[in-house]
C-alpha atoms as a PDB file:
ATOM      1  CA  MET A   1     -46.383  84.720   2.410  1.00  0.00           C
ATOM      2  CA  TRP A   2     -44.220  86.973   4.518  1.00  0.00           C
ATOM      3  CA  PRO A   3     -44.646  89.049   6.593  1.00  0.00           C
ATOM      4  CA  ILE A   4     -47.421  87.840   8.896  1.00  0.00           C
ATOM      5  CA  PHE A   5     -49.925  90.242  10.469  1.00  0.00           C
ATOM      6  CA  VAL A   6     -52.135  89.186  13.377  1.00  0.00           C
ATOM      7  CA  PHE A   7     -55.028  91.558  14.049  1.00  0.00           C
ATOM      8  CA  GLY A   8     -57.719  91.328  16.700  1.00  0.00           C
ATOM      9  CA  THR A   9     -60.193  93.052  18.976  1.00  0.00           C
ATOM     10  CA  GLY A  10     -58.075  92.662  22.100  1.00  0.00           C
ATOM     11  CA  ARG A  11     -58.616  89.896  24.670  1.00  0.00           C
ATOM     12  CA  CYS A  12     -59.276  87.649  21.709  1.00  0.00           C
ATOM     13  CA  GLY A  13     -56.426  85.131  21.371  1.00  0.00           C
ATOM     14  CA  SER A  14     -54.105  87.242  19.228  1.00  0.00           C
ATOM     15  CA  THR A  15     -51.169  86.760  21.612  1.00  0.00           C
ATOM     16  CA  HIS A  16     -51.787  83.015  21.538  1.00  0.00           C
ATOM     17  CA  VAL A  17     -51.625  83.055  17.730  1.00  0.00           C
ATOM     18  CA  GLN A  18     -48.485  85.193  17.953  1.00  0.00           C
ATOM     19  CA  ARG A  19     -46.803  82.541  20.125  1.00  0.00           C
ATOM     20  CA  LEU A  20     -48.044  79.644  18.057  1.00  0.00           C
ATOM     21  CA  ILE A  21     -46.651  81.030  14.790  1.00  0.00           C
ATOM     22  CA  SER A  22     -43.361  82.165  16.320  1.00  0.00           C
ATOM     23  CA  LEU A  23     -42.691  78.819  17.997  1.00  0.00           C
ATOM     24  CA  SER A  24     -43.598  76.624  15.036  1.00  0.00           C
ATOM     25  CA  THR A  25     -42.367  78.504  11.931  1.00  0.00           C
ATOM     26  CA  CYS A  26     -39.381  80.535  10.755  1.00  0.00           C
ATOM     27  CA  CYS A  27     -41.412  83.754  11.262  1.00  0.00           C
ATOM     28  CA  TRP A  28     -40.983  85.665  14.512  1.00  0.00           C
ATOM     29  CA  VAL A  29     -44.193  87.561  15.289  1.00  0.00           C
ATOM     30  CA  TRP A  30     -43.488  90.668  17.328  1.00  0.00           C
ATOM     31  CA  GLY A  31     -45.894  92.084  19.911  1.00  0.00           C
ATOM     32  CA  GLU A  32     -47.916  95.288  19.833  1.00  0.00           C
ATOM     33  CA  HIS A  33     -46.494  98.744  19.120  1.00  0.00           C
ATOM     34  CA  GLU A  34     -49.445 101.025  19.918  1.00  0.00           C
ATOM     35  CA  GLY A  35     -50.437 101.287  16.273  1.00  0.00           C
ATOM     36  CA  PHE A  36     -47.859 103.923  15.389  1.00  0.00           C
ATOM     37  CA  LEU A  37     -47.563 102.651  11.800  1.00  0.00           C
ATOM     38  CA  ALA A  38     -51.126 103.671  10.891  1.00  0.00           C
ATOM     39  CA  PRO A  39     -50.444 107.226   9.634  1.00  0.00           C
ATOM     40  CA  LEU A  40     -47.283 106.102   7.848  1.00  0.00           C
ATOM     41  CA  VAL A  41     -48.783 103.225   5.859  1.00  0.00           C
ATOM     42  CA  GLU A  42     -52.000 105.132   5.158  1.00  0.00           C
ATOM     43  CA  SER A  43     -49.982 108.074   3.813  1.00  0.00           C
ATOM     44  CA  VAL A  44     -48.938 105.921   0.842  1.00  0.00           C
ATOM     45  CA  ARG A  45     -52.467 106.044  -0.568  1.00  0.00           C
ATOM     46  CA  ARG A  46     -52.613 109.801   0.010  1.00  0.00           C
ATOM     47  CA  TYR A  47     -49.275 110.265  -1.770  1.00  0.00           C
ATOM     48  CA  GLU A  48     -50.256 108.152  -4.770  1.00  0.00           C
ATOM     49  CA  THR A  49     -53.771 109.588  -5.179  1.00  0.00           C
ATOM     50  CA  SER A  50     -53.106 113.265  -4.430  1.00  0.00           C
ATOM     51  CA  PRO A  51     -54.509 115.442  -7.276  1.00  0.00           C
ATOM     52  CA  GLY A  52     -52.042 118.175  -6.378  1.00  0.00           C
ATOM     53  CA  LEU A  53     -49.016 115.920  -6.536  1.00  0.00           C
ATOM     54  CA  GLU A  54     -50.275 114.286  -9.715  1.00  0.00           C
ATOM     55  CA  GLN A  55     -50.753 117.569 -11.543  1.00  0.00           C
ATOM     56  CA  ASN A  56     -47.881 119.615 -10.194  1.00  0.00           C
ATOM     57  CA  VAL A  57     -45.162 117.082  -9.378  1.00  0.00           C
ATOM     58  CA  PHE A  58     -45.599 113.659 -10.969  1.00  0.00           C
ATOM     59  CA  ARG A  59     -46.513 115.083 -14.393  1.00  0.00           C
ATOM     60  CA  ALA A  60     -43.942 117.896 -14.218  1.00  0.00           C
ATOM     61  CA  GLY A  61     -41.156 115.526 -15.094  1.00  0.00           C
ATOM     62  CA  TRP A  62     -38.187 117.643 -14.087  1.00  0.00           C
ATOM     63  CA  ARG A  63     -35.492 115.994 -16.175  1.00  0.00           C
ATOM     64  CA  SER A  64     -32.314 117.882 -15.349  1.00  0.00           C
ATOM     65  CA  ASP A  65     -30.608 119.828 -12.618  1.00  0.00           C
ATOM     66  CA  ASP A  66     -30.490 122.835 -14.941  1.00  0.00           C
ATOM     67  CA  GLU A  67     -34.290 122.897 -15.164  1.00  0.00           C
ATOM     68  CA  LEU A  68     -34.578 122.810 -11.375  1.00  0.00           C
ATOM     69  CA  ILE A  69     -32.023 125.575 -10.884  1.00  0.00           C
ATOM     70  CA  SER A  70     -33.610 127.690 -13.602  1.00  0.00           C
ATOM     71  CA  ALA A  71     -37.044 127.421 -11.982  1.00  0.00           C
ATOM     72  CA  MET A  72     -35.553 128.367  -8.622  1.00  0.00           C
ATOM     73  CA  SER A  73     -33.683 131.318 -10.110  1.00  0.00           C
ATOM     74  CA  LEU A  74     -36.553 132.692 -12.177  1.00  0.00           C
ATOM     75  CA  GLY A  75     -39.215 132.211  -9.519  1.00  0.00           C
ATOM     76  CA  SER A  76     -41.537 130.698 -12.116  1.00  0.00           C
ATOM     77  CA  ASP A  77     -45.063 129.467 -11.335  1.00  0.00           C
ATOM     78  CA  PRO A  78     -44.099 125.790 -10.820  1.00  0.00           C
ATOM     79  CA  LEU A  79     -41.654 126.789  -8.076  1.00  0.00           C
ATOM     80  CA  SER A  80     -44.186 126.467  -5.247  1.00  0.00           C
ATOM     81  CA  TRP A  81     -44.595 122.752  -6.068  1.00  0.00           C
ATOM     82  CA  LEU A  82     -40.960 122.104  -6.953  1.00  0.00           C
ATOM     83  CA  ASN A  83     -40.198 118.477  -6.044  1.00  0.00           C
ATOM     84  CA  ARG A  84     -38.510 115.627  -7.841  1.00  0.00           C
ATOM     85  CA  PHE A  85     -40.748 112.785  -6.719  1.00  0.00           C
ATOM     86  CA  ASP A  86     -41.626 109.607  -8.538  1.00  0.00           C
ATOM     87  CA  LYS A  87     -45.209 108.464  -8.057  1.00  0.00           C
ATOM     88  CA  HIS A  88     -44.212 104.990  -6.911  1.00  0.00           C
ATOM     89  CA  GLU A  89     -41.041 105.634  -4.924  1.00  0.00           C
ATOM     90  CA  PHE A  90     -42.738 106.449  -1.617  1.00  0.00           C
ATOM     91  CA  ARG A  91     -44.425 103.028  -1.519  1.00  0.00           C
ATOM     92  CA  THR A  92     -41.042 101.385  -1.997  1.00  0.00           C
ATOM     93  CA  GLU A  93     -39.406 103.521   0.684  1.00  0.00           C
ATOM     94  CA  VAL A  94     -42.135 102.816   3.252  1.00  0.00           C
ATOM     95  CA  THR A  95     -42.072  99.099   2.514  1.00  0.00           C
ATOM     96  CA  VAL A  96     -38.293  98.962   2.916  1.00  0.00           C
ATOM     97  CA  LEU A  97     -38.407 101.032   6.116  1.00  0.00           C
ATOM     98  CA  VAL A  98     -41.032  98.866   7.830  1.00  0.00           C
ATOM     99  CA  ASP A  99     -39.280  95.676   6.735  1.00  0.00           C
ATOM    100  CA  ARG A 100     -35.935  96.919   8.063  1.00  0.00           C
ATOM    101  CA  MET A 101     -37.432  97.975  11.400  1.00  0.00           C
ATOM    102  CA  PHE A 102     -39.006  94.616  12.158  1.00  0.00           C
ATOM    103  CA  ARG A 103     -36.384  92.412  10.510  1.00  0.00           C
ATOM    104  CA  SER A 104     -33.328  93.967  12.182  1.00  0.00           C
ATOM    105  CA  GLY A 105     -33.986  92.512  15.631  1.00  0.00           C
ATOM    106  CA  LEU A 106     -34.930  88.952  14.707  1.00  0.00           C
ATOM    107  CA  PRO A 107     -33.585  86.374  17.164  1.00  0.00           C
ATOM    108  CA  ARG A 108     -31.041  83.910  15.875  1.00  0.00           C
ATOM    109  CA  GLY A 109     -32.625  81.141  13.805  1.00  0.00           C
ATOM    110  CA  TRP A 110     -35.702  83.088  12.652  1.00  0.00           C
ATOM    111  CA  THR A 111     -35.575  84.470   9.131  1.00  0.00           C
ATOM    112  CA  GLU A 112     -38.915  86.284   8.685  1.00  0.00           C
ATOM    113  CA  TRP A 113     -40.988  88.698  10.701  1.00  0.00           C
ATOM    114  CA  GLY A 114     -44.523  89.598  11.549  1.00  0.00           C
ATOM    115  CA  PHE A 115     -46.389  91.428  14.287  1.00  0.00           C
ATOM    116  CA  LYS A 116     -49.679  91.435  16.100  1.00  0.00           C
ATOM    117  CA  GLU A 117     -51.562  94.663  16.742  1.00  0.00           C
ATOM    118  CA  ILE A 118     -55.037  95.147  18.205  1.00  0.00           C
ATOM    119  CA  LEU A 119     -55.330  98.858  17.327  1.00  0.00           C
ATOM    120  CA  TYR A 120     -55.355  98.396  13.571  1.00  0.00           C
ATOM    121  CA  GLY A 121     -58.873  98.510  12.192  1.00  0.00           C
ATOM    122  CA  LEU A 122     -60.055 100.735  15.060  1.00  0.00           C
ATOM    123  CA  ASP A 123     -60.748 104.153  13.529  1.00  0.00           C
ATOM    124  CA  ASN A 124     -58.048 103.573  10.921  1.00  0.00           C
ATOM    125  CA  ASN A 125     -57.525 101.675   7.683  1.00  0.00           C
ATOM    126  CA  ALA A 126     -54.058 100.355   8.552  1.00  0.00           C
ATOM    127  CA  PRO A 127     -54.802  96.638   7.863  1.00  0.00           C
ATOM    128  CA  ALA A 128     -55.826  97.343   4.268  1.00  0.00           C
ATOM    129  CA  SER A 129     -52.885  99.703   3.805  1.00  0.00           C
ATOM    130  CA  LEU A 130     -50.424  97.142   5.168  1.00  0.00           C
ATOM    131  CA  LEU A 131     -51.795  94.369   2.993  1.00  0.00           C
ATOM    132  CA  ARG A 132     -51.589  96.538  -0.097  1.00  0.00           C
ATOM    133  CA  LEU A 133     -47.971  97.327   0.743  1.00  0.00           C
ATOM    134  CA  TYR A 134     -47.301  93.611   1.251  1.00  0.00           C
ATOM    135  CA  PRO A 135     -49.729  91.784  -1.075  1.00  0.00           C
ATOM    136  CA  ALA A 136     -48.070  88.405  -0.435  1.00  0.00           C
ATOM    137  CA  ALA A 137     -48.384  88.722   3.347  1.00  0.00           C
ATOM    138  CA  THR A 138     -50.375  86.371   5.549  1.00  0.00           C
ATOM    139  CA  ALA A 139     -53.022  88.077   7.686  1.00  0.00           C
ATOM    140  CA  ALA A 140     -55.222  86.761  10.481  1.00  0.00           C
ATOM    141  CA  PHE A 141     -58.067  88.328  12.433  1.00  0.00           C
ATOM    142  CA  THR A 142     -58.714  86.829  15.862  1.00  0.00           C
ATOM    143  CA  PHE A 143     -61.921  87.317  17.844  1.00  0.00           C
ATOM    144  CA  ARG A 144     -64.247  85.719  20.354  1.00  0.00           C
ATOM    145  CA  GLU A 145     -67.760  86.059  21.744  1.00  0.00           C
ATOM    146  CA  PRO A 146     -68.620  89.731  22.391  1.00  0.00           C
ATOM    147  CA  LYS A 147     -69.849  89.728  25.983  1.00  0.00           C
ATOM    148  CA  THR A 148     -66.947  87.577  27.162  1.00  0.00           C
ATOM    149  CA  THR A 149     -64.484  89.795  25.323  1.00  0.00           C
ATOM    150  CA  ILE A 150     -65.876  93.059  26.692  1.00  0.00           C
ATOM    151  CA  GLU A 151     -65.930  91.655  30.209  1.00  0.00           C
ATOM    152  CA  SER A 152     -62.323  90.483  29.827  1.00  0.00           C
ATOM    153  CA  MET A 153     -61.255  93.923  28.535  1.00  0.00           C
ATOM    154  CA  ILE A 154     -62.729  95.589  31.629  1.00  0.00           C
ATOM    155  CA  ARG A 155     -61.335  93.014  34.051  1.00  0.00           C
ATOM    156  CA  THR A 156     -57.839  93.043  32.610  1.00  0.00           C
ATOM    157  CA  TRP A 157     -57.368  96.638  31.476  1.00  0.00           C
ATOM    158  CA  SER A 158     -59.226  98.390  34.321  1.00  0.00           C
ATOM    159  CA  PRO A 159     -58.850  96.116  37.381  1.00  0.00           C
ATOM    160  CA  GLU A 160     -58.813  99.048  39.806  1.00  0.00           C
ATOM    161  CA  LEU A 161     -62.470  99.693  38.981  1.00  0.00           C
ATOM    162  CA  LEU A 162     -63.456  96.390  40.553  1.00  0.00           C
ATOM    163  CA  ARG A 163     -61.477  96.595  43.799  1.00  0.00           C
ATOM    164  CA  GLY A 164     -63.533  99.140  45.702  1.00  0.00           C
ATOM    165  CA  PRO A 165     -67.220  99.872  46.223  1.00  0.00           C
ATOM    166  CA  PRO A 166     -69.597  99.773  43.243  1.00  0.00           C
ATOM    167  CA  VAL A 167     -69.047 102.534  40.677  1.00  0.00           C
ATOM    168  CA  PHE A 168     -71.905 102.087  38.258  1.00  0.00           C
ATOM    169  CA  ASP A 169     -71.347 105.216  36.163  1.00  0.00           C
ATOM    170  CA  GLU A 170     -67.663 104.451  35.608  1.00  0.00           C
ATOM    171  CA  LEU A 171     -68.449 100.877  34.620  1.00  0.00           C
ATOM    172  CA  SER A 172     -71.120 102.101  32.215  1.00  0.00           C
ATOM    173  CA  LYS A 173     -68.618 104.456  30.552  1.00  0.00           C
ATOM    174  CA  LEU A 174     -66.058 101.685  30.266  1.00  0.00           C
ATOM    175  CA  TYR A 175     -68.642  99.339  28.804  1.00  0.00           C
ATOM    176  CA  LYS A 176     -69.535 101.877  26.107  1.00  0.00           C
ATOM    177  CA  MET A 177     -65.873 102.340  25.241  1.00  0.00           C
ATOM    178  CA  ARG A 178     -65.020  98.626  25.124  1.00  0.00           C
ATOM    179  CA  SER A 179     -68.212  97.568  23.357  1.00  0.00           C
ATOM    180  CA  ARG A 180     -67.663 100.258  20.717  1.00  0.00           C
ATOM    181  CA  ARG A 181     -64.155  98.927  20.214  1.00  0.00           C
ATOM    182  CA  TRP A 182     -65.355  95.349  19.723  1.00  0.00           C
ATOM    183  CA  LYS A 183     -68.100  96.391  17.327  1.00  0.00           C
ATOM    184  CA  LEU A 184     -65.981  98.716  15.167  1.00  0.00           C
ATOM    185  CA  ILE A 185     -63.119  96.256  14.759  1.00  0.00           C
ATOM    186  CA  VAL A 186     -65.341  93.280  13.916  1.00  0.00           C
ATOM    187  CA  GLU A 187     -67.315  95.389  11.433  1.00  0.00           C
ATOM    188  CA  TYR A 188     -64.077  96.631   9.881  1.00  0.00           C
ATOM    189  CA  PHE A 189     -62.698  93.163   9.220  1.00  0.00           C
ATOM    190  CA  LEU A 190     -66.017  91.828   7.975  1.00  0.00           C
ATOM    191  CA  ASN A 191     -66.106  94.696   5.478  1.00  0.00           C
ATOM    192  CA  LEU A 192     -62.474  94.077   4.577  1.00  0.00           C
ATOM    193  CA  ARG A 193     -63.380  90.531   3.584  1.00  0.00           C
ATOM    194  CA  HIS A 194     -65.724  91.943   0.958  1.00  0.00           C
ATOM    195  CA  SER A 195     -62.771  93.626  -0.768  1.00  0.00           C
ATOM    196  CA  ASP A 196     -60.003  91.959  -2.723  1.00  0.00           C
ATOM    197  CA  ILE A 197     -57.864  91.598   0.406  1.00  0.00           C
ATOM    198  CA  LYS A 198     -57.355  88.128   1.834  1.00  0.00           C
ATOM    199  CA  ILE A 199     -57.501  87.702   5.588  1.00  0.00           C
ATOM    200  CA  ILE A 200     -58.097  84.530   7.618  1.00  0.00           C
ATOM    201  CA  PHE A 201     -60.670  84.723  10.424  1.00  0.00           C
ATOM    202  CA  ILE A 202     -59.764  82.772  13.580  1.00  0.00           C
ATOM    203  CA  SER A 203     -62.564  82.432  16.124  1.00  0.00           C
ATOM    204  CA  SER A 204     -61.527  81.488  19.654  1.00  0.00           C
ATOM    205  CA  ASP A 205     -62.818  77.926  19.319  1.00  0.00           C
ATOM    206  CA  LYS A 206     -60.294  77.310  16.530  1.00  0.00           C
ATOM    207  CA  LEU A 207     -57.445  77.913  18.981  1.00  0.00           C
ATOM    208  CA  ASN A 208     -58.185  74.502  20.478  1.00  0.00           C
ATOM    209  CA  LEU A 209     -57.440  72.760  17.177  1.00  0.00           C
ATOM    210  CA  PRO A 210     -54.087  71.048  16.554  1.00  0.00           C
ATOM    211  CA  VAL A 211     -51.222  73.371  15.718  1.00  0.00           C
ATOM    212  CA  GLU A 212     -50.932  71.870  12.248  1.00  0.00           C
ATOM    213  CA  THR A 213     -54.568  72.658  11.485  1.00  0.00           C
ATOM    214  CA  ILE A 214     -54.221  76.311  12.477  1.00  0.00           C
ATOM    215  CA  LEU A 215     -50.991  76.707  10.505  1.00  0.00           C
ATOM    216  CA  HIS A 216     -52.510  75.094   7.441  1.00  0.00           C
ATOM    217  CA  ALA A 217     -55.513  77.395   7.569  1.00  0.00           C
ATOM    218  CA  LEU A 218     -53.038  80.283   7.474  1.00  0.00           C
ATOM    219  CA  GLY A 219     -51.136  78.709   4.606  1.00  0.00           C
ATOM    220  CA  LEU A 220     -48.021  78.215   6.751  1.00  0.00           C
ATOM    221  CA  SER A 221     -45.653  75.283   7.044  1.00  0.00           C
ATOM    222  CA  ARG A 222     -44.360  73.988  10.332  1.00  0.00           C
ATOM    223  CA  THR A 223     -40.568  74.220  10.613  1.00  0.00           C
ATOM    224  CA  ARG A 224     -40.161  73.903  14.398  1.00  0.00           C
ATOM    225  CA  SER A 225     -41.349  71.364  16.932  1.00  0.00           C
ATOM    226  CA  ILE A 226     -43.291  72.621  19.913  1.00  0.00           C
ATOM    227  CA  LEU A 227     -45.902  71.073  22.158  1.00  0.00           C
ATOM    228  CA  GLU A 228     -49.044  70.160  20.298  1.00  0.00           C
ATOM    229  CA  SER A 229     -50.897  72.776  22.334  1.00  0.00           C
ATOM    230  CA  LEU A 230     -49.941  75.899  24.264  1.00  0.00           C
ATOM    231  CA  HIS A 231     -51.201  76.932  27.664  1.00  0.00           C
ATOM    232  CA  VAL A 232     -53.721  79.770  27.756  1.00  0.00           C
ATOM    233  CA  THR A 233     -52.061  83.127  27.108  1.00  0.00           C
ATOM    234  CA  ASN A 234     -52.809  86.235  29.212  1.00  0.00           C
ATOM    235  CA  ARG A 235     -55.653  84.634  31.115  1.00  0.00           C
ATOM    236  CA  GLY A 236     -56.546  87.845  32.949  1.00  0.00           C
ATOM    237  CA  LEU A 237     -58.168  88.381  36.335  1.00  0.00           C
ATOM    238  CA  ASN A 238     -60.755  85.993  37.724  1.00  0.00           C
ATOM    239  CA  ASN A 239     -62.343  88.345  40.267  1.00  0.00           C
ATOM    240  CA  TRP A 240     -65.624  89.829  39.077  1.00  0.00           C
ATOM    241  CA  PRO A 241     -67.926  91.263  41.773  1.00  0.00           C
ATOM    242  CA  GLN A 242     -71.619  90.573  41.567  1.00  0.00           C
ATOM    243  CA  TRP A 243     -72.563  94.235  41.112  1.00  0.00           C
ATOM    244  CA  ALA A 244     -70.310  94.437  38.046  1.00  0.00           C
ATOM    245  CA  ASP A 245     -71.717  91.216  36.617  1.00  0.00           C
ATOM    246  CA  ASP A 246     -75.309  92.411  37.038  1.00  0.00           C
ATOM    247  CA  THR A 247     -74.516  95.825  35.544  1.00  0.00           C
ATOM    248  CA  LEU A 248     -72.726  94.349  32.545  1.00  0.00           C
ATOM    249  CA  ASN A 249     -75.619  91.964  31.890  1.00  0.00           C
ATOM    250  CA  ASP A 250     -78.041  94.894  31.815  1.00  0.00           C
ATOM    251  CA  LEU A 251     -75.814  96.982  29.555  1.00  0.00           C
ATOM    252  CA  PHE A 252     -75.126  94.162  27.144  1.00  0.00           C
ATOM    253  CA  ALA A 253     -78.823  93.337  26.831  1.00  0.00           C
ATOM    254  CA  HIS A 254     -79.276  96.465  24.683  1.00  0.00           C
ATOM    255  CA  ASP A 255     -76.540  95.381  22.253  1.00  0.00           C
ATOM    256  CA  LYS A 256     -77.017  91.637  22.352  1.00  0.00           C
ATOM    257  CA  CYS A 257     -78.896  91.113  19.088  1.00  0.00           C
ATOM    258  CA  GLU A 258     -76.636  93.344  17.027  1.00  0.00           C
ATOM    259  CA  PHE A 259     -73.415  91.995  18.541  1.00  0.00           C
ATOM    260  CA  GLN A 260     -74.450  88.360  18.303  1.00  0.00           C
ATOM    261  CA  ASP A 261     -75.283  88.891  14.648  1.00  0.00           C
ATOM    262  CA  LEU A 262     -71.823  90.342  14.000  1.00  0.00           C
ATOM    263  CA  PHE A 263     -70.255  87.476  15.935  1.00  0.00           C
ATOM    264  CA  ALA A 264     -72.220  84.890  13.957  1.00  0.00           C
ATOM    265  CA  ARG A 265     -71.118  86.458  10.673  1.00  0.00           C
ATOM    266  CA  ALA A 266     -67.489  86.463  11.780  1.00  0.00           C
ATOM    267  CA  CYS A 267     -67.759  82.836  12.958  1.00  0.00           C
ATOM    268  CA  ALA A 268     -69.177  81.866   9.581  1.00  0.00           C
ATOM    269  CA  ARG A 269     -66.096  83.401   7.960  1.00  0.00           C
ATOM    270  CA  SER A 270     -63.833  81.500  10.328  1.00  0.00           C
ATOM    271  CA  GLN A 271     -65.633  78.245   9.678  1.00  0.00           C
ATOM    272  CA  ALA A 272     -65.394  78.802   5.930  1.00  0.00           C
ATOM    273  CA  ASP A 273     -61.680  79.575   6.123  1.00  0.00           C
ATOM    274  CA  PHE A 274     -60.860  76.460   8.113  1.00  0.00           C
ATOM    275  CA  TYR A 275     -63.310  74.252   6.216  1.00  0.00           C
ATOM    276  CA  ALA A 276     -62.068  75.466   2.843  1.00  0.00           C
ATOM    277  CA  HIS A 277     -58.514  74.586   3.778  1.00  0.00           C
ATOM    278  CA  ALA A 278     -59.479  71.165   5.112  1.00  0.00           C
ATOM    279  CA  THR A 279     -61.355  70.444   1.896  1.00  0.00           C
ATOM    280  CA  LYS A 280     -58.394  71.456  -0.236  1.00  0.00           C
ATOM    281  CA  GLU A 281     -56.094  69.287   1.874  1.00  0.00           C
ATOM    282  CA  ALA A 282     -58.392  66.347   1.277  1.00  0.00           C
ATOM    283  CA  GLY A 283     -58.343  67.023  -2.454  1.00  0.00           C
ATOM    284  CA  GLY A 284     -62.013  67.914  -2.651  1.00  0.00           C
ATOM    285  CA  ALA A 285     -63.845  70.877  -4.074  1.00  0.00           C
ATOM    286  CA  VAL A 286     -64.571  73.877  -1.916  1.00  0.00           C
END
């Protein structure tokens, strides 16, 4: 079940889940890292499915140093693709590298690692790539109601916009950027659930459940004692001028039906994940 990956839209409770897991299990969940792993983990699929590598390298089967030196000396046709790669070694190397990077700094007393990242699933396929590299990993996707999330993104990530006189065009641009983000990430994880990859959906209302319930839904065991609940994490700014509120309401009205449908589908997944676990715990049929 290790490592643990916590994904989310941003302003969605992912940091809260990060704290909850870290403070109640033997797994330390690191914070964000600006998504730099995406090209690395996605390159594994490219390496393993490359027609050129398959034909010219993996099947070449260079068996001896003499064969390599002879090809280099003679300048034969295979020389331009001369590599001694095994089809499966890159996957192993990437897995070991990522594990070493995140494991090496664990605080004393924690034996496993995880991380939370809100850029994975946004214009990249990193969540699927990570979960194929680590098929036994635990993965969670955190989210909350779209309008509230988009508003929180703007308030928290662009507070300077709200401190001066009304800037309607700038707010409109920010809304388009943040609403696109919410939509793409939620769609990505909903589609991911249709594949063979397991990921637990955690809607914001589930964060109010007892710690044990959340851990059980993730398939985790509690090994540390913390308070039964944690205070709200990264609450964000409370100031929201009326002009911004009115503008956001108008902008969101165009997306409301589509976004609420996506939110309802994601909530249904979350409800099923938590209900399924509760049923199993009670010894019933799912």
